[in-house]
Amino acid sequence: MVSRSRYTSPLHASARFVAQRGLLKPLVWRLVDVTVLGREHLEKLSRPFVLVSNHASHLDAPLIFGALPRKLARYIAANAAADYFFDVWWRKPLASLFFNAFPVDRTGLRGRRSVATDLLDAGVPLLLFPEGGRSKTGEMGNFKPGAAALCVSRDVPALPVAIVGAAEAMPYGRSWPHKGRRPVFVTFGEPMWAEDGETAAQFSERMAKEVRGLVDYTMTYRAENG
């Protein structure tokens, strides 16, 4: 059971707030031009919950953390690829400091599901990327059902999030964003709950459809307001 660990510690949360809001957010917001949509959907959200987002850039997690209000972002734990963020000595403490990260297998939550469930049981919200890794093309892939299964088993809502423009600003394979502060959008949707009798696979498909809809909405907004 997760209890008073680095994931739930107020001291760690305070240090993370300084790192996120004093260092990471100012840097990212200087490198890209960020617009946040759908903040009204966050007003009645309370812990715990599971954020589910498309994933095509290393900018995605910093953008989501920076776009959320402090009361929601304070304890969020983000999934991070075990074979990338936790296999090099200097990446692990940075991932822990900035994202309260916990390791996952790139194929989903295999072998780490107990960590994720313990975190939710301890009231820790999760940020998951159900595609299982960054898209190499920028196009959104299929969702794996692990995130939906957590929501179903723990009876917590999923908060769909769409990131648009991050793949153009910092595509797969780049270690730094392009110059010129390219426009990037973070769009929050309405919290979603699994319906009675809905399986994890069915809920996962519905979540993916919602995120795709948010991507389409954001692209239309960008075209009309660009």
Protein backbone atom coordinates (compact mmCIF):
# COMPACT_ATOMS: atom_id res chain seq x y z
CA MET A 1 0.00 0.00 0.00
CA VAL A 2 1.36 3.45 -0.92
CA SER A 3 1.49 5.66 2.19
CA ARG A 4 3.46 8.83 2.94
CA SER A 5 5.90 7.90 0.20
CA ARG A 6 7.41 10.39 -2.21
CA TYR A 7 4.14 10.17 -4.15
CA THR A 8 2.01 11.43 -1.25
CA SER A 9 4.49 13.43 0.83
CA PRO A 10 3.57 17.13 1.28
CA LEU A 11 7.30 17.94 1.45
CA HIS A 12 7.95 16.27 -1.90
CA ALA A 13 4.84 17.97 -3.32
CA SER A 14 6.18 21.37 -2.27
CA ALA A 15 9.56 20.70 -3.88
CA ARG A 16 7.80 19.48 -7.01
CA PHE A 17 5.68 22.64 -7.13
CA VAL A 18 8.82 24.79 -7.06
CA ALA A 19 10.42 22.65 -9.79
CA GLN A 20 7.32 22.61 -11.97
CA ARG A 21 6.13 26.20 -11.59
CA GLY A 22 9.46 27.89 -10.97
CA LEU A 23 11.56 26.06 -13.57
CA LEU A 24 9.70 23.76 -15.95
CA LYS A 25 6.60 25.77 -16.82
CA PRO A 26 8.44 29.07 -17.46
CA LEU A 27 10.89 27.23 -19.72
CA VAL A 28 8.25 25.38 -21.74
CA TRP A 29 5.99 28.44 -22.02
CA ARG A 30 8.95 30.39 -23.43
CA LEU A 31 9.74 27.70 -25.97
CA VAL A 32 6.19 27.24 -27.31
CA ASP A 33 3.08 29.41 -27.50
CA VAL A 34 0.56 27.63 -25.23
CA THR A 35 -3.23 27.94 -25.32
CA VAL A 36 -5.32 26.05 -22.76
CA LEU A 37 -8.95 25.19 -23.52
CA GLY A 38 -11.64 23.50 -21.43
CA ARG A 39 -10.57 24.75 -18.00
CA GLU A 40 -14.24 24.87 -17.01
CA HIS A 41 -14.26 21.06 -16.98
CA LEU A 42 -11.78 21.07 -14.09
CA GLU A 43 -13.87 23.10 -11.65
CA LYS A 44 -15.69 20.24 -9.92
CA LEU A 45 -12.97 17.61 -10.35
CA SER A 46 -11.58 16.14 -7.16
CA ARG A 47 -8.96 13.51 -6.33
CA PRO A 48 -8.37 10.84 -7.36
CA PHE A 49 -8.80 10.67 -11.12
CA VAL A 50 -6.95 9.43 -14.19
CA LEU A 51 -5.87 11.85 -16.92
CA VAL A 52 -5.71 10.17 -20.33
CA SER A 53 -4.04 11.94 -23.24
CA ASN A 54 -2.70 11.40 -26.72
CA HIS A 55 1.08 11.28 -26.78
CA ALA A 56 3.42 12.40 -29.56
CA SER A 57 6.06 14.57 -27.89
CA HIS A 58 8.20 14.87 -24.77
CA LEU A 59 6.42 18.21 -24.31
CA ASP A 60 3.11 16.50 -23.50
CA ALA A 61 3.59 15.86 -19.77
CA PRO A 62 5.13 19.29 -19.03
CA LEU A 63 2.26 20.95 -20.92
CA ILE A 64 -0.40 19.07 -18.97
CA PHE A 65 1.20 19.71 -15.59
CA GLY A 66 1.64 23.38 -16.43
CA ALA A 67 -1.93 23.78 -17.68
CA LEU A 68 -3.54 22.32 -14.55
CA PRO A 69 -4.31 24.40 -11.45
CA ARG A 70 -2.06 23.70 -8.48
CA LYS A 71 -4.77 22.00 -6.42
CA LEU A 72 -5.12 19.31 -9.10
CA ALA A 73 -1.49 19.05 -10.22
CA ARG A 74 -0.01 18.92 -6.69
CA TYR A 75 0.08 15.13 -6.31
CA ILE A 76 -0.36 13.80 -9.86
CA ALA A 77 1.90 10.87 -10.66
CA ALA A 78 2.78 10.40 -14.33
CA ASN A 79 3.60 7.10 -15.94
CA ALA A 80 7.06 7.03 -17.48
CA ALA A 81 8.68 4.40 -19.68
CA ALA A 82 10.79 2.19 -17.43
CA ASP A 83 13.33 1.49 -20.17
CA TYR A 84 13.90 5.19 -20.88
CA PHE A 85 13.35 7.31 -17.76
CA PHE A 86 14.40 4.75 -15.17
CA ASP A 87 17.38 3.06 -16.85
CA VAL A 88 19.78 6.05 -16.70
CA TRP A 89 20.87 7.31 -13.31
CA TRP A 90 20.27 11.03 -13.97
CA ARG A 91 16.86 10.65 -15.63
CA LYS A 92 15.19 8.86 -12.73
CA PRO A 93 15.54 11.67 -10.13
CA LEU A 94 14.50 14.28 -12.69
CA ALA A 95 11.40 12.30 -13.66
CA SER A 96 10.57 11.87 -9.98
CA LEU A 97 11.13 15.54 -9.15
CA PHE A 98 9.24 17.10 -12.05
CA PHE A 99 6.51 14.51 -12.70
CA ASN A 100 6.19 12.36 -9.57
CA ALA A 101 6.84 9.59 -12.08
CA PHE A 102 6.35 5.87 -11.65
CA PRO A 103 7.77 3.34 -14.14
CA VAL A 104 5.62 1.40 -16.61
CA ASP A 105 6.32 -1.12 -19.32
CA ARG A 106 5.92 0.47 -22.77
CA THR A 107 3.27 -2.13 -23.59
CA GLY A 108 1.00 -0.75 -20.88
CA LEU A 109 0.83 -1.19 -17.09
CA ARG A 110 2.03 -4.77 -17.09
CA GLY A 111 3.95 -5.52 -13.92
CA ARG A 112 3.16 -2.07 -12.48
CA ARG A 113 -0.62 -2.21 -12.11
CA SER A 114 -0.32 -2.71 -8.35
CA VAL A 115 1.64 0.56 -8.08
CA ALA A 116 -1.03 2.42 -10.05
CA THR A 117 -3.90 0.96 -8.02
CA ASP A 118 -2.10 1.68 -4.75
CA LEU A 119 -1.58 5.28 -5.84
CA LEU A 120 -5.27 5.71 -6.67
CA ASP A 121 -6.21 4.10 -3.35
CA ALA A 122 -3.96 6.67 -1.64
CA GLY A 123 -5.79 9.50 -3.43
CA VAL A 124 -3.03 10.19 -5.96
CA PRO A 125 -4.28 11.19 -9.44
CA LEU A 126 -2.53 9.59 -12.40
CA LEU A 127 -1.43 10.89 -15.78
CA LEU A 128 -1.40 8.03 -18.28
CA PHE A 129 -0.74 7.85 -22.00
CA PRO A 130 -2.86 4.86 -23.09
CA GLU A 131 -1.18 4.58 -26.50
CA GLY A 132 1.75 3.02 -24.66
CA GLY A 133 4.38 5.40 -26.04
CA ARG A 134 4.92 8.45 -28.20
CA SER A 135 3.58 8.37 -31.73
CA LYS A 136 6.37 8.52 -34.26
CA THR A 137 4.09 10.10 -36.87
CA GLY A 138 2.17 12.52 -34.67
CA GLU A 139 -1.06 10.65 -35.40
CA MET A 140 -2.94 9.26 -32.44
CA GLY A 141 -2.81 5.48 -32.09
CA ASN A 142 -5.12 2.99 -30.41
CA PHE A 143 -5.57 3.06 -26.65
CA LYS A 144 -4.52 0.08 -24.56
CA PRO A 145 -7.16 -0.80 -21.92
CA GLY A 146 -4.97 -0.46 -18.81
CA ALA A 147 -6.06 3.09 -17.96
CA ALA A 148 -9.72 2.21 -18.41
CA ALA A 149 -9.29 -0.91 -16.27
CA LEU A 150 -7.94 1.24 -13.44
CA CYS A 151 -10.92 3.57 -13.67
CA VAL A 152 -13.35 0.66 -13.65
CA SER A 153 -11.70 -1.22 -10.79
CA ARG A 154 -11.24 1.88 -8.59
CA ASP A 155 -14.48 3.64 -9.62
CA VAL A 156 -12.67 6.87 -10.49
CA PRO A 157 -13.26 9.22 -13.43
CA ALA A 158 -11.07 9.62 -16.47
CA LEU A 159 -10.22 13.16 -17.55
CA PRO A 160 -9.62 13.21 -21.33
CA VAL A 161 -6.92 15.58 -22.58
CA ALA A 162 -5.89 16.47 -26.12
CA ILE A 163 -2.50 17.88 -27.04
CA VAL A 164 -2.32 19.56 -30.45
CA GLY A 165 0.81 21.10 -31.96
CA ALA A 166 3.39 19.51 -29.67
CA ALA A 167 4.40 16.99 -32.32
CA GLU A 168 5.14 19.85 -34.74
CA ALA A 169 6.97 21.85 -32.07
CA MET A 170 9.08 18.93 -30.86
CA PRO A 171 8.57 15.82 -33.03
CA TYR A 172 9.68 12.31 -32.22
CA GLY A 173 13.49 12.08 -32.29
CA ARG A 174 14.19 15.71 -31.35
CA SER A 175 15.73 16.56 -27.99
CA TRP A 176 14.67 20.24 -28.07
CA PRO A 177 11.72 22.15 -29.59
CA HIS A 178 12.02 23.98 -32.89
CA LYS A 179 12.78 27.68 -32.70
CA GLY A 180 10.03 30.24 -33.10
CA ARG A 181 7.53 29.40 -30.29
CA ARG A 182 5.21 27.24 -32.35
CA PRO A 183 1.55 27.17 -31.22
CA VAL A 184 0.57 24.33 -28.92
CA PHE A 185 -2.85 23.60 -27.43
CA VAL A 186 -3.93 21.70 -24.32
CA THR A 187 -7.65 20.89 -24.29
CA PHE A 188 -9.42 19.35 -21.30
CA GLY A 189 -12.65 17.45 -21.82
CA GLU A 190 -15.42 16.59 -19.39
CA PRO A 191 -14.66 13.89 -16.79
CA MET A 192 -15.87 10.46 -17.89
CA TRP A 193 -17.12 7.57 -15.77
CA ALA A 194 -17.45 3.94 -16.77
CA GLU A 195 -21.08 3.02 -17.32
CA ASP A 196 -22.82 0.14 -15.54
CA GLY A 197 -21.73 -3.11 -17.14
CA GLU A 198 -19.17 -1.42 -19.38
CA THR A 199 -15.97 -3.42 -19.78
CA ALA A 200 -12.50 -1.91 -19.62
CA ALA A 201 -12.10 -2.47 -23.37
CA GLN A 202 -15.37 -0.67 -24.11
CA PHE A 203 -14.55 2.22 -21.80
CA SER A 204 -11.10 2.48 -23.35
CA GLU A 205 -12.61 2.77 -26.82
CA ARG A 206 -14.97 5.47 -25.58
CA MET A 207 -12.10 7.38 -23.99
CA ALA A 208 -10.07 7.19 -27.19
CA LYS A 209 -13.06 8.45 -29.19
CA GLU A 210 -13.43 11.37 -26.79
CA VAL A 211 -9.75 12.32 -27.02
CA ARG A 212 -9.91 12.13 -30.83
CA GLY A 213 -12.96 14.40 -30.71
CA LEU A 214 -11.05 16.88 -28.56
CA VAL A 215 -8.16 16.78 -31.03
CA ASP A 216 -10.55 17.53 -33.90
CA TYR A 217 -12.22 20.33 -31.94
CA THR A 218 -8.83 21.86 -31.09
CA MET A 219 -7.63 21.70 -34.68
CA THR A 220 -10.79 23.50 -35.79
CA TYR A 221 -10.28 26.11 -33.07
CA ARG A 222 -6.67 26.58 -34.20
CA ALA A 223 -7.72 27.02 -37.82
CA GLU A 224 -10.39 29.57 -36.90
CA ASN A 225 -8.24 31.53 -34.45
CA GLY A 226 -4.78 31.12 -35.95
